[in-house]
Amino acid sequence: MTMMKVYRDADGRVAHVGDWDFGVSKVPVFDEETKTQIFDALPGGAGFIPRMRQVMLNHLPEDYVEGTADIVTGFDGGLYAADDPRRLGNQ
């Protein structure tokens, strides 16, 4: 048994074990009026680089709450809360 970070759903069930992968990615920035990509000048006039912004692709559901729980490896090799009967494979 190991104490690990978990995310619980609105019913209090462990829905995710470990850190949440928010899927942060960089995407180009466009001018809203002209719909053209915006570029920034490099120092010393060495050219231009596209302006980028970070976006989150995998948002944490609103009802999820971060916490900790005792985690065990289940019959199928998956991670389960120690009190979750599914860890035994009888369900």
PDB file of N, CA and C in Angstrom:
ATOM      1  N   MET A   1       0.844  -1.173   0.000  1.00  0.00           N
ATOM      2  CA  MET A   1       0.000   0.000   0.000  1.00  0.00           C
ATOM      3  C   MET A   1       0.894   1.243   0.000  1.00  0.00           C
ATOM      4  N   THR A   2       0.491   2.217  -0.805  1.00  0.00           N
ATOM      5  CA  THR A   2       1.242   3.455  -0.916  1.00  0.00           C
ATOM      6  C   THR A   2       0.282   4.636  -0.901  1.00  0.00           C
ATOM      7  N   MET A   3       0.597   5.661  -0.139  1.00  0.00           N
ATOM      8  CA  MET A   3      -0.206   6.877  -0.121  1.00  0.00           C
ATOM      9  C   MET A   3       0.152   7.677  -1.372  1.00  0.00           C
ATOM     10  N   MET A   4      -0.872   8.010  -2.184  1.00  0.00           N
ATOM     11  CA  MET A   4      -0.648   8.736  -3.424  1.00  0.00           C
ATOM     12  C   MET A   4      -1.684   9.837  -3.614  1.00  0.00           C
ATOM     13  N   LYS A   5      -1.344  10.802  -4.484  1.00  0.00           N
ATOM     14  CA  LYS A   5      -2.298  11.845  -4.861  1.00  0.00           C
ATOM     15  C   LYS A   5      -3.396  11.203  -5.701  1.00  0.00           C
ATOM     16  N   VAL A   6      -4.646  11.577  -5.431  1.00  0.00           N
ATOM     17  CA  VAL A   6      -5.790  11.081  -6.197  1.00  0.00           C
ATOM     18  C   VAL A   6      -6.744  12.241  -6.475  1.00  0.00           C
ATOM     19  N   TYR A   7      -7.614  12.028  -7.429  1.00  0.00           N
ATOM     20  CA  TYR A   7      -8.711  12.952  -7.701  1.00  0.00           C
ATOM     21  C   TYR A   7     -10.002  12.166  -7.528  1.00  0.00           C
ATOM     22  N   ARG A   8     -10.902  12.716  -6.718  1.00  0.00           N
ATOM     23  CA  ARG A   8     -12.179  12.066  -6.447  1.00  0.00           C
ATOM     24  C   ARG A   8     -13.292  12.806  -7.192  1.00  0.00           C
ATOM     25  N   ASP A   9     -14.293  12.035  -7.638  1.00  0.00           N
ATOM     26  CA  ASP A   9     -15.441  12.638  -8.321  1.00  0.00           C
ATOM     27  C   ASP A   9     -16.442  13.142  -7.280  1.00  0.00           C
ATOM     28  N   ALA A  10     -17.572  13.660  -7.739  1.00  0.00           N
ATOM     29  CA  ALA A  10     -18.575  14.246  -6.845  1.00  0.00           C
ATOM     30  C   ALA A  10     -19.129  13.236  -5.843  1.00  0.00           C
ATOM     31  N   ASP A  11     -19.070  11.942  -6.173  1.00  0.00           N
ATOM     32  CA  ASP A  11     -19.553  10.898  -5.273  1.00  0.00           C
ATOM     33  C   ASP A  11     -18.490  10.422  -4.296  1.00  0.00           C
ATOM     34  N   GLY A  12     -17.281  10.998  -4.366  1.00  0.00           N
ATOM     35  CA  GLY A  12     -16.200  10.634  -3.461  1.00  0.00           C
ATOM     36  C   GLY A  12     -15.381   9.436  -3.916  1.00  0.00           C
ATOM     37  N   ARG A  13     -15.689   8.888  -5.087  1.00  0.00           N
ATOM     38  CA  ARG A  13     -14.921   7.746  -5.608  1.00  0.00           C
ATOM     39  C   ARG A  13     -13.619   8.229  -6.240  1.00  0.00           C
ATOM     40  N   VAL A  14     -12.571   7.441  -6.089  1.00  0.00           N
ATOM     41  CA  VAL A  14     -11.300   7.765  -6.731  1.00  0.00           C
ATOM     42  C   VAL A  14     -11.484   7.614  -8.239  1.00  0.00           C
ATOM     43  N   ALA A  15     -11.300   8.714  -8.960  1.00  0.00           N
ATOM     44  CA  ALA A  15     -11.487   8.718 -10.407  1.00  0.00           C
ATOM     45  C   ALA A  15     -10.159   8.742 -11.151  1.00  0.00           C
ATOM     46  N   HIS A  16      -9.089   9.178 -10.468  1.00  0.00           N
ATOM     47  CA  HIS A  16      -7.777   9.263 -11.111  1.00  0.00           C
ATOM     48  C   HIS A  16      -6.705   9.159 -10.031  1.00  0.00           C
ATOM     49  N   VAL A  17      -5.666   8.376 -10.311  1.00  0.00           N
ATOM     50  CA  VAL A  17      -4.550   8.210  -9.382  1.00  0.00           C
ATOM     51  C   VAL A  17      -3.328   8.893  -9.974  1.00  0.00           C
ATOM     52  N   GLY A  18      -2.662   9.731  -9.181  1.00  0.00           N
ATOM     53  CA  GLY A  18      -1.445  10.405  -9.632  1.00  0.00           C
ATOM     54  C   GLY A  18      -1.722  11.819 -10.109  1.00  0.00           C
ATOM     55  N   ASP A  19      -0.664  12.452 -10.646  1.00  0.00           N
ATOM     56  CA  ASP A  19      -0.795  13.820 -11.147  1.00  0.00           C
ATOM     57  C   ASP A  19      -1.713  13.862 -12.359  1.00  0.00           C
ATOM     58  N   TRP A  20      -2.469  14.936 -12.501  1.00  0.00           N
ATOM     59  CA  TRP A  20      -3.356  15.131 -13.647  1.00  0.00           C
ATOM     60  C   TRP A  20      -2.532  15.670 -14.808  1.00  0.00           C
ATOM     61  N   ASP A  21      -2.697  15.087 -15.987  1.00  0.00           N
ATOM     62  CA  ASP A  21      -2.025  15.576 -17.193  1.00  0.00           C
ATOM     63  C   ASP A  21      -2.943  16.587 -17.868  1.00  0.00           C
ATOM     64  N   PHE A  22      -2.609  17.872 -17.707  1.00  0.00           N
ATOM     65  CA  PHE A  22      -3.442  18.926 -18.266  1.00  0.00           C
ATOM     66  C   PHE A  22      -3.276  19.071 -19.780  1.00  0.00           C
ATOM     67  N   GLY A  23      -2.303  18.397 -20.360  1.00  0.00           N
ATOM     68  CA  GLY A  23      -2.120  18.436 -21.806  1.00  0.00           C
ATOM     69  C   GLY A  23      -1.836  19.840 -22.310  1.00  0.00           C
ATOM     70  N   VAL A  24      -0.908  20.556 -21.661  1.00  0.00           N
ATOM     71  CA  VAL A  24      -0.582  21.917 -22.068  1.00  0.00           C
ATOM     72  C   VAL A  24       0.165  21.874 -23.395  1.00  0.00           C
ATOM     73  N   SER A  25      -0.266  22.735 -24.313  1.00  0.00           N
ATOM     74  CA  SER A  25       0.343  22.796 -25.635  1.00  0.00           C
ATOM     75  C   SER A  25       0.473  24.257 -26.047  1.00  0.00           C
ATOM     76  N   LYS A  26       1.385  24.526 -26.970  1.00  0.00           N
ATOM     77  CA  LYS A  26       1.544  25.879 -27.495  1.00  0.00           C
ATOM     78  C   LYS A  26       0.889  25.956 -28.868  1.00  0.00           C
ATOM     79  N   VAL A  27       0.135  27.040 -29.084  1.00  0.00           N
ATOM     80  CA  VAL A  27      -0.532  27.261 -30.366  1.00  0.00           C
ATOM     81  C   VAL A  27      -0.234  28.686 -30.824  1.00  0.00           C
ATOM     82  N   PRO A  28      -0.225  28.919 -32.145  1.00  0.00           N
ATOM     83  CA  PRO A  28       0.053  30.271 -32.644  1.00  0.00           C
ATOM     84  C   PRO A  28      -1.072  31.248 -32.306  1.00  0.00           C
ATOM     85  N   VAL A  29      -0.703  32.522 -32.180  1.00  0.00           N
ATOM     86  CA  VAL A  29      -1.663  33.587 -31.906  1.00  0.00           C
ATOM     87  C   VAL A  29      -2.011  34.272 -33.231  1.00  0.00           C
ATOM     88  N   PHE A  30      -3.316  34.494 -33.443  1.00  0.00           N
ATOM     89  CA  PHE A  30      -3.790  35.145 -34.659  1.00  0.00           C
ATOM     90  C   PHE A  30      -4.453  36.466 -34.325  1.00  0.00           C
ATOM     91  N   ASP A  31      -4.320  37.444 -35.227  1.00  0.00           N
ATOM     92  CA  ASP A  31      -5.011  38.721 -35.113  1.00  0.00           C
ATOM     93  C   ASP A  31      -6.492  38.458 -35.378  1.00  0.00           C
ATOM     94  N   GLU A  32      -7.361  38.877 -34.460  1.00  0.00           N
ATOM     95  CA  GLU A  32      -8.785  38.566 -34.595  1.00  0.00           C
ATOM     96  C   GLU A  32      -9.441  39.258 -35.785  1.00  0.00           C
ATOM     97  N   GLU A  33      -8.973  40.463 -36.102  1.00  0.00           N
ATOM     98  CA  GLU A  33      -9.564  41.200 -37.230  1.00  0.00           C
ATOM     99  C   GLU A  33      -9.136  40.643 -38.578  1.00  0.00           C
ATOM    100  N   THR A  34      -7.829  40.487 -38.759  1.00  0.00           N
ATOM    101  CA  THR A  34      -7.315  40.087 -40.079  1.00  0.00           C
ATOM    102  C   THR A  34      -7.165  38.581 -40.217  1.00  0.00           C
ATOM    103  N   LYS A  35      -7.284  37.858 -39.107  1.00  0.00           N
ATOM    104  CA  LYS A  35      -7.135  36.393 -39.093  1.00  0.00           C
ATOM    105  C   LYS A  35      -5.747  35.942 -39.555  1.00  0.00           C
ATOM    106  N   THR A  36      -4.759  36.812 -39.414  1.00  0.00           N
ATOM    107  CA  THR A  36      -3.390  36.454 -39.791  1.00  0.00           C
ATOM    108  C   THR A  36      -2.571  36.180 -38.534  1.00  0.00           C
ATOM    109  N   GLN A  37      -1.579  35.339 -38.686  1.00  0.00           N
ATOM    110  CA  GLN A  37      -0.718  34.973 -37.574  1.00  0.00           C
ATOM    111  C   GLN A  37       0.157  36.155 -37.172  1.00  0.00           C
ATOM    112  N   ILE A  38       0.366  36.325 -35.866  1.00  0.00           N
ATOM    113  CA  ILE A  38       1.177  37.424 -35.344  1.00  0.00           C
ATOM    114  C   ILE A  38       2.606  36.927 -35.119  1.00  0.00           C
ATOM    115  N   PHE A  39       3.566  37.750 -35.555  1.00  0.00           N
ATOM    116  CA  PHE A  39       4.986  37.430 -35.381  1.00  0.00           C
ATOM    117  C   PHE A  39       5.638  38.530 -34.571  1.00  0.00           C
ATOM    118  N   ASP A  40       6.650  38.167 -33.781  1.00  0.00           N
ATOM    119  CA  ASP A  40       7.425  39.130 -33.012  1.00  0.00           C
ATOM    120  C   ASP A  40       8.833  39.194 -33.589  1.00  0.00           C
ATOM    121  N   ALA A  41       9.405  40.395 -33.607  1.00  0.00           N
ATOM    122  CA  ALA A  41      10.763  40.577 -34.115  1.00  0.00           C
ATOM    123  C   ALA A  41      11.771  40.024 -33.109  1.00  0.00           C
ATOM    124  N   LEU A  42      12.778  39.360 -33.629  1.00  0.00           N
ATOM    125  CA  LEU A  42      13.869  38.878 -32.790  1.00  0.00           C
ATOM    126  C   LEU A  42      14.801  40.043 -32.475  1.00  0.00           C
ATOM    127  N   PRO A  43      15.498  39.994 -31.335  1.00  0.00           N
ATOM    128  CA  PRO A  43      16.423  41.076 -30.982  1.00  0.00           C
ATOM    129  C   PRO A  43      17.485  41.269 -32.066  1.00  0.00           C
ATOM    130  N   GLY A  44      17.844  42.515 -32.289  1.00  0.00           N
ATOM    131  CA  GLY A  44      18.906  42.820 -33.241  1.00  0.00           C
ATOM    132  C   GLY A  44      18.480  42.675 -34.694  1.00  0.00           C
ATOM    133  N   GLY A  45      17.191  42.588 -34.959  1.00  0.00           N
ATOM    134  CA  GLY A  45      16.710  42.481 -36.332  1.00  0.00           C
ATOM    135  C   GLY A  45      17.076  41.176 -37.009  1.00  0.00           C
ATOM    136  N   ALA A  46      17.197  40.106 -36.236  1.00  0.00           N
ATOM    137  CA  ALA A  46      17.633  38.810 -36.784  1.00  0.00           C
ATOM    138  C   ALA A  46      16.485  38.005 -37.377  1.00  0.00           C
ATOM    139  N   GLY A  47      15.320  38.602 -37.519  1.00  0.00           N
ATOM    140  CA  GLY A  47      14.193  37.883 -38.099  1.00  0.00           C
ATOM    141  C   GLY A  47      12.970  37.954 -37.213  1.00  0.00           C
ATOM    142  N   PHE A  48      12.061  37.038 -37.445  1.00  0.00           N
ATOM    143  CA  PHE A  48      10.790  37.024 -36.727  1.00  0.00           C
ATOM    144  C   PHE A  48      10.496  35.617 -36.208  1.00  0.00           C
ATOM    145  N   ILE A  49       9.714  35.593 -35.136  1.00  0.00           N
ATOM    146  CA  ILE A  49       9.311  34.318 -34.546  1.00  0.00           C
ATOM    147  C   ILE A  49       7.799  34.380 -34.288  1.00  0.00           C
ATOM    148  N   PRO A  50       7.078  33.296 -34.546  1.00  0.00           N
ATOM    149  CA  PRO A  50       5.626  33.343 -34.307  1.00  0.00           C
ATOM    150  C   PRO A  50       5.302  33.524 -32.828  1.00  0.00           C
ATOM    151  N   ARG A  51       4.335  34.379 -32.537  1.00  0.00           N
ATOM    152  CA  ARG A  51       3.866  34.558 -31.157  1.00  0.00           C
ATOM    153  C   ARG A  51       3.019  33.331 -30.814  1.00  0.00           C
ATOM    154  N   MET A  52       3.279  32.745 -29.648  1.00  0.00           N
ATOM    155  CA  MET A  52       2.582  31.530 -29.235  1.00  0.00           C
ATOM    156  C   MET A  52       1.916  31.767 -27.879  1.00  0.00           C
ATOM    157  N   ARG A  53       0.879  30.977 -27.611  1.00  0.00           N
ATOM    158  CA  ARG A  53       0.251  30.996 -26.288  1.00  0.00           C
ATOM    159  C   ARG A  53       0.020  29.554 -25.852  1.00  0.00           C
ATOM    160  N   GLN A  54      -0.035  29.371 -24.545  1.00  0.00           N
ATOM    161  CA  GLN A  54      -0.271  28.028 -24.014  1.00  0.00           C
ATOM    162  C   GLN A  54      -1.764  27.797 -23.829  1.00  0.00           C
ATOM    163  N   VAL A  55      -2.207  26.602 -24.187  1.00  0.00           N
ATOM    164  CA  VAL A  55      -3.597  26.214 -23.970  1.00  0.00           C
ATOM    165  C   VAL A  55      -3.626  24.881 -23.234  1.00  0.00           C
ATOM    166  N   MET A  56      -4.663  24.705 -22.435  1.00  0.00           N
ATOM    167  CA  MET A  56      -4.850  23.462 -21.703  1.00  0.00           C
ATOM    168  C   MET A  56      -5.825  22.595 -22.499  1.00  0.00           C
ATOM    169  N   LEU A  57      -5.396  21.394 -22.868  1.00  0.00           N
ATOM    170  CA  LEU A  57      -6.213  20.520 -23.695  1.00  0.00           C
ATOM    171  C   LEU A  57      -7.030  19.514 -22.884  1.00  0.00           C
ATOM    172  N   ASN A  58      -6.651  19.280 -21.637  1.00  0.00           N
ATOM    173  CA  ASN A  58      -7.312  18.274 -20.814  1.00  0.00           C
ATOM    174  C   ASN A  58      -7.659  18.885 -19.458  1.00  0.00           C
ATOM    175  N   HIS A  59      -8.776  19.616 -19.402  1.00  0.00           N
ATOM    176  CA  HIS A  59      -9.183  20.296 -18.177  1.00  0.00           C
ATOM    177  C   HIS A  59      -9.621  19.289 -17.110  1.00  0.00           C
ATOM    178  N   LEU A  60      -9.368  19.635 -15.879  1.00  0.00           N
ATOM    179  CA  LEU A  60      -9.839  18.838 -14.750  1.00  0.00           C
ATOM    180  C   LEU A  60     -11.349  19.051 -14.625  1.00  0.00           C
ATOM    181  N   PRO A  61     -12.144  17.988 -14.580  1.00  0.00           N
ATOM    182  CA  PRO A  61     -13.598  18.169 -14.421  1.00  0.00           C
ATOM    183  C   PRO A  61     -13.919  18.988 -13.170  1.00  0.00           C
ATOM    184  N   GLU A  62     -14.950  19.815 -13.261  1.00  0.00           N
ATOM    185  CA  GLU A  62     -15.290  20.741 -12.175  1.00  0.00           C
ATOM    186  C   GLU A  62     -15.557  20.050 -10.846  1.00  0.00           C
ATOM    187  N   ASP A  63     -16.123  18.844 -10.888  1.00  0.00           N
ATOM    188  CA  ASP A  63     -16.499  18.189  -9.631  1.00  0.00           C
ATOM    189  C   ASP A  63     -15.363  17.362  -9.020  1.00  0.00           C
ATOM    190  N   TYR A  64     -14.192  17.308  -9.649  1.00  0.00           N
ATOM    191  CA  TYR A  64     -13.077  16.534  -9.108  1.00  0.00           C
ATOM    192  C   TYR A  64     -12.390  17.313  -7.994  1.00  0.00           C
ATOM    193  N   VAL A  65     -12.036  16.589  -6.938  1.00  0.00           N
ATOM    194  CA  VAL A  65     -11.357  17.173  -5.788  1.00  0.00           C
ATOM    195  C   VAL A  65     -10.055  16.415  -5.568  1.00  0.00           C
ATOM    196  N   GLU A  66      -8.967  17.167  -5.380  1.00  0.00           N
ATOM    197  CA  GLU A  66      -7.654  16.554  -5.147  1.00  0.00           C
ATOM    198  C   GLU A  66      -7.537  16.115  -3.694  1.00  0.00           C
ATOM    199  N   GLY A  67      -6.902  14.970  -3.488  1.00  0.00           N
ATOM    200  CA  GLY A  67      -6.673  14.468  -2.147  1.00  0.00           C
ATOM    201  C   GLY A  67      -5.608  13.391  -2.174  1.00  0.00           C
ATOM    202  N   THR A  68      -5.569  12.567  -1.151  1.00  0.00           N
ATOM    203  CA  THR A  68      -4.645  11.428  -1.103  1.00  0.00           C
ATOM    204  C   THR A  68      -5.424  10.196  -0.666  1.00  0.00           C
ATOM    205  N   ALA A  69      -4.881   9.038  -1.019  1.00  0.00           N
ATOM    206  CA  ALA A  69      -5.513   7.776  -0.621  1.00  0.00           C
ATOM    207  C   ALA A  69      -4.469   6.679  -0.619  1.00  0.00           C
ATOM    208  N   ASP A  70      -4.725   5.626   0.151  1.00  0.00           N
ATOM    209  CA  ASP A  70      -3.885   4.434   0.108  1.00  0.00           C
ATOM    210  C   ASP A  70      -4.195   3.708  -1.190  1.00  0.00           C
ATOM    211  N   ILE A  71      -3.179   3.453  -1.998  1.00  0.00           N
ATOM    212  CA  ILE A  71      -3.346   2.853  -3.320  1.00  0.00           C
ATOM    213  C   ILE A  71      -2.652   1.493  -3.354  1.00  0.00           C
ATOM    214  N   VAL A  72      -3.321   0.526  -3.977  1.00  0.00           N
ATOM    215  CA  VAL A  72      -2.763  -0.816  -4.148  1.00  0.00           C
ATOM    216  C   VAL A  72      -2.857  -1.197  -5.624  1.00  0.00           C
ATOM    217  N   THR A  73      -2.070  -2.182  -6.004  1.00  0.00           N
ATOM    218  CA  THR A  73      -2.134  -2.727  -7.348  1.00  0.00           C
ATOM    219  C   THR A  73      -3.189  -3.820  -7.363  1.00  0.00           C
ATOM    220  N   GLY A  74      -4.124  -3.706  -8.296  1.00  0.00           N
ATOM    221  CA  GLY A  74      -5.223  -4.659  -8.377  1.00  0.00           C
ATOM    222  C   GLY A  74      -4.859  -5.911  -9.142  1.00  0.00           C
ATOM    223  N   PHE A  75      -5.823  -6.811  -9.283  1.00  0.00           N
ATOM    224  CA  PHE A  75      -5.632  -8.091  -9.941  1.00  0.00           C
ATOM    225  C   PHE A  75      -5.170  -7.934 -11.391  1.00  0.00           C
ATOM    226  N   ASP A  76      -5.539  -6.813 -12.017  1.00  0.00           N
ATOM    227  CA  ASP A  76      -5.220  -6.583 -13.429  1.00  0.00           C
ATOM    228  C   ASP A  76      -3.999  -5.700 -13.634  1.00  0.00           C
ATOM    229  N   GLY A  77      -3.305  -5.353 -12.543  1.00  0.00           N
ATOM    230  CA  GLY A  77      -2.125  -4.491 -12.629  1.00  0.00           C
ATOM    231  C   GLY A  77      -2.462  -3.017 -12.531  1.00  0.00           C
ATOM    232  N   GLY A  78      -3.751  -2.669 -12.479  1.00  0.00           N
ATOM    233  CA  GLY A  78      -4.171  -1.270 -12.355  1.00  0.00           C
ATOM    234  C   GLY A  78      -4.056  -0.785 -10.929  1.00  0.00           C
ATOM    235  N   LEU A  79      -4.124   0.538 -10.757  1.00  0.00           N
ATOM    236  CA  LEU A  79      -4.047   1.145  -9.432  1.00  0.00           C
ATOM    237  C   LEU A  79      -5.451   1.413  -8.906  1.00  0.00           C
ATOM    238  N   TYR A  80      -5.690   1.016  -7.656  1.00  0.00           N
ATOM    239  CA  TYR A  80      -7.001   1.156  -7.029  1.00  0.00           C
ATOM    240  C   TYR A  80      -6.837   1.680  -5.611  1.00  0.00           C
ATOM    241  N   ALA A  81      -7.873   2.374  -5.110  1.00  0.00           N
ATOM    242  CA  ALA A  81      -7.902   2.713  -3.694  1.00  0.00           C
ATOM    243  C   ALA A  81      -7.982   1.406  -2.916  1.00  0.00           C
ATOM    244  N   ALA A  82      -7.311   1.351  -1.769  1.00  0.00           N
ATOM    245  CA  ALA A  82      -7.234   0.117  -0.989  1.00  0.00           C
ATOM    246  C   ALA A  82      -8.619  -0.412  -0.602  1.00  0.00           C
ATOM    247  N   ASP A  83      -9.602   0.483  -0.475  1.00  0.00           N
ATOM    248  CA  ASP A  83     -10.950   0.046  -0.081  1.00  0.00           C
ATOM    249  C   ASP A  83     -11.885  -0.178  -1.280  1.00  0.00           C
ATOM    250  N   ASP A  84     -11.368  -0.147  -2.497  1.00  0.00           N
ATOM    251  CA  ASP A  84     -12.182  -0.329  -3.695  1.00  0.00           C
ATOM    252  C   ASP A  84     -12.308  -1.814  -3.988  1.00  0.00           C
ATOM    253  N   PRO A  85     -13.525  -2.383  -3.952  1.00  0.00           N
ATOM    254  CA  PRO A  85     -13.700  -3.818  -4.184  1.00  0.00           C
ATOM    255  C   PRO A  85     -13.315  -4.253  -5.603  1.00  0.00           C
ATOM    256  N   ARG A  86     -13.272  -3.319  -6.565  1.00  0.00           N
ATOM    257  CA  ARG A  86     -12.907  -3.688  -7.944  1.00  0.00           C
ATOM    258  C   ARG A  86     -11.457  -4.170  -8.035  1.00  0.00           C
ATOM    259  N   ARG A  87     -10.642  -3.849  -7.052  1.00  0.00           N
ATOM    260  CA  ARG A  87      -9.223  -4.264  -7.077  1.00  0.00           C
ATOM    261  C   ARG A  87      -9.079  -5.790  -7.084  1.00  0.00           C
ATOM    262  N   LEU A  88     -10.115  -6.487  -6.613  1.00  0.00           N
ATOM    263  CA  LEU A  88     -10.078  -7.947  -6.506  1.00  0.00           C
ATOM    264  C   LEU A  88     -10.561  -8.634  -7.763  1.00  0.00           C
ATOM    265  N   GLY A  89     -11.260  -7.916  -8.641  1.00  0.00           N
ATOM    266  CA  GLY A  89     -11.723  -8.496  -9.887  1.00  0.00           C
ATOM    267  C   GLY A  89     -12.994  -9.296  -9.772  1.00  0.00           C
ATOM    268  N   ASN A  90     -13.710  -9.197  -8.676  1.00  0.00           N
ATOM    269  CA  ASN A  90     -14.937  -9.976  -8.485  1.00  0.00           C
ATOM    270  C   ASN A  90     -16.177  -9.260  -9.004  1.00  0.00           C
ATOM    271  N   GLN A  91     -16.040  -7.995  -9.418  1.00  0.00           N
ATOM    272  CA  GLN A  91     -17.210  -7.205  -9.816  1.00  0.00           C
ATOM    273  C   GLN A  91     -17.409  -7.245 -11.303  1.00  0.00           C
TER     274      GLN A  91
END
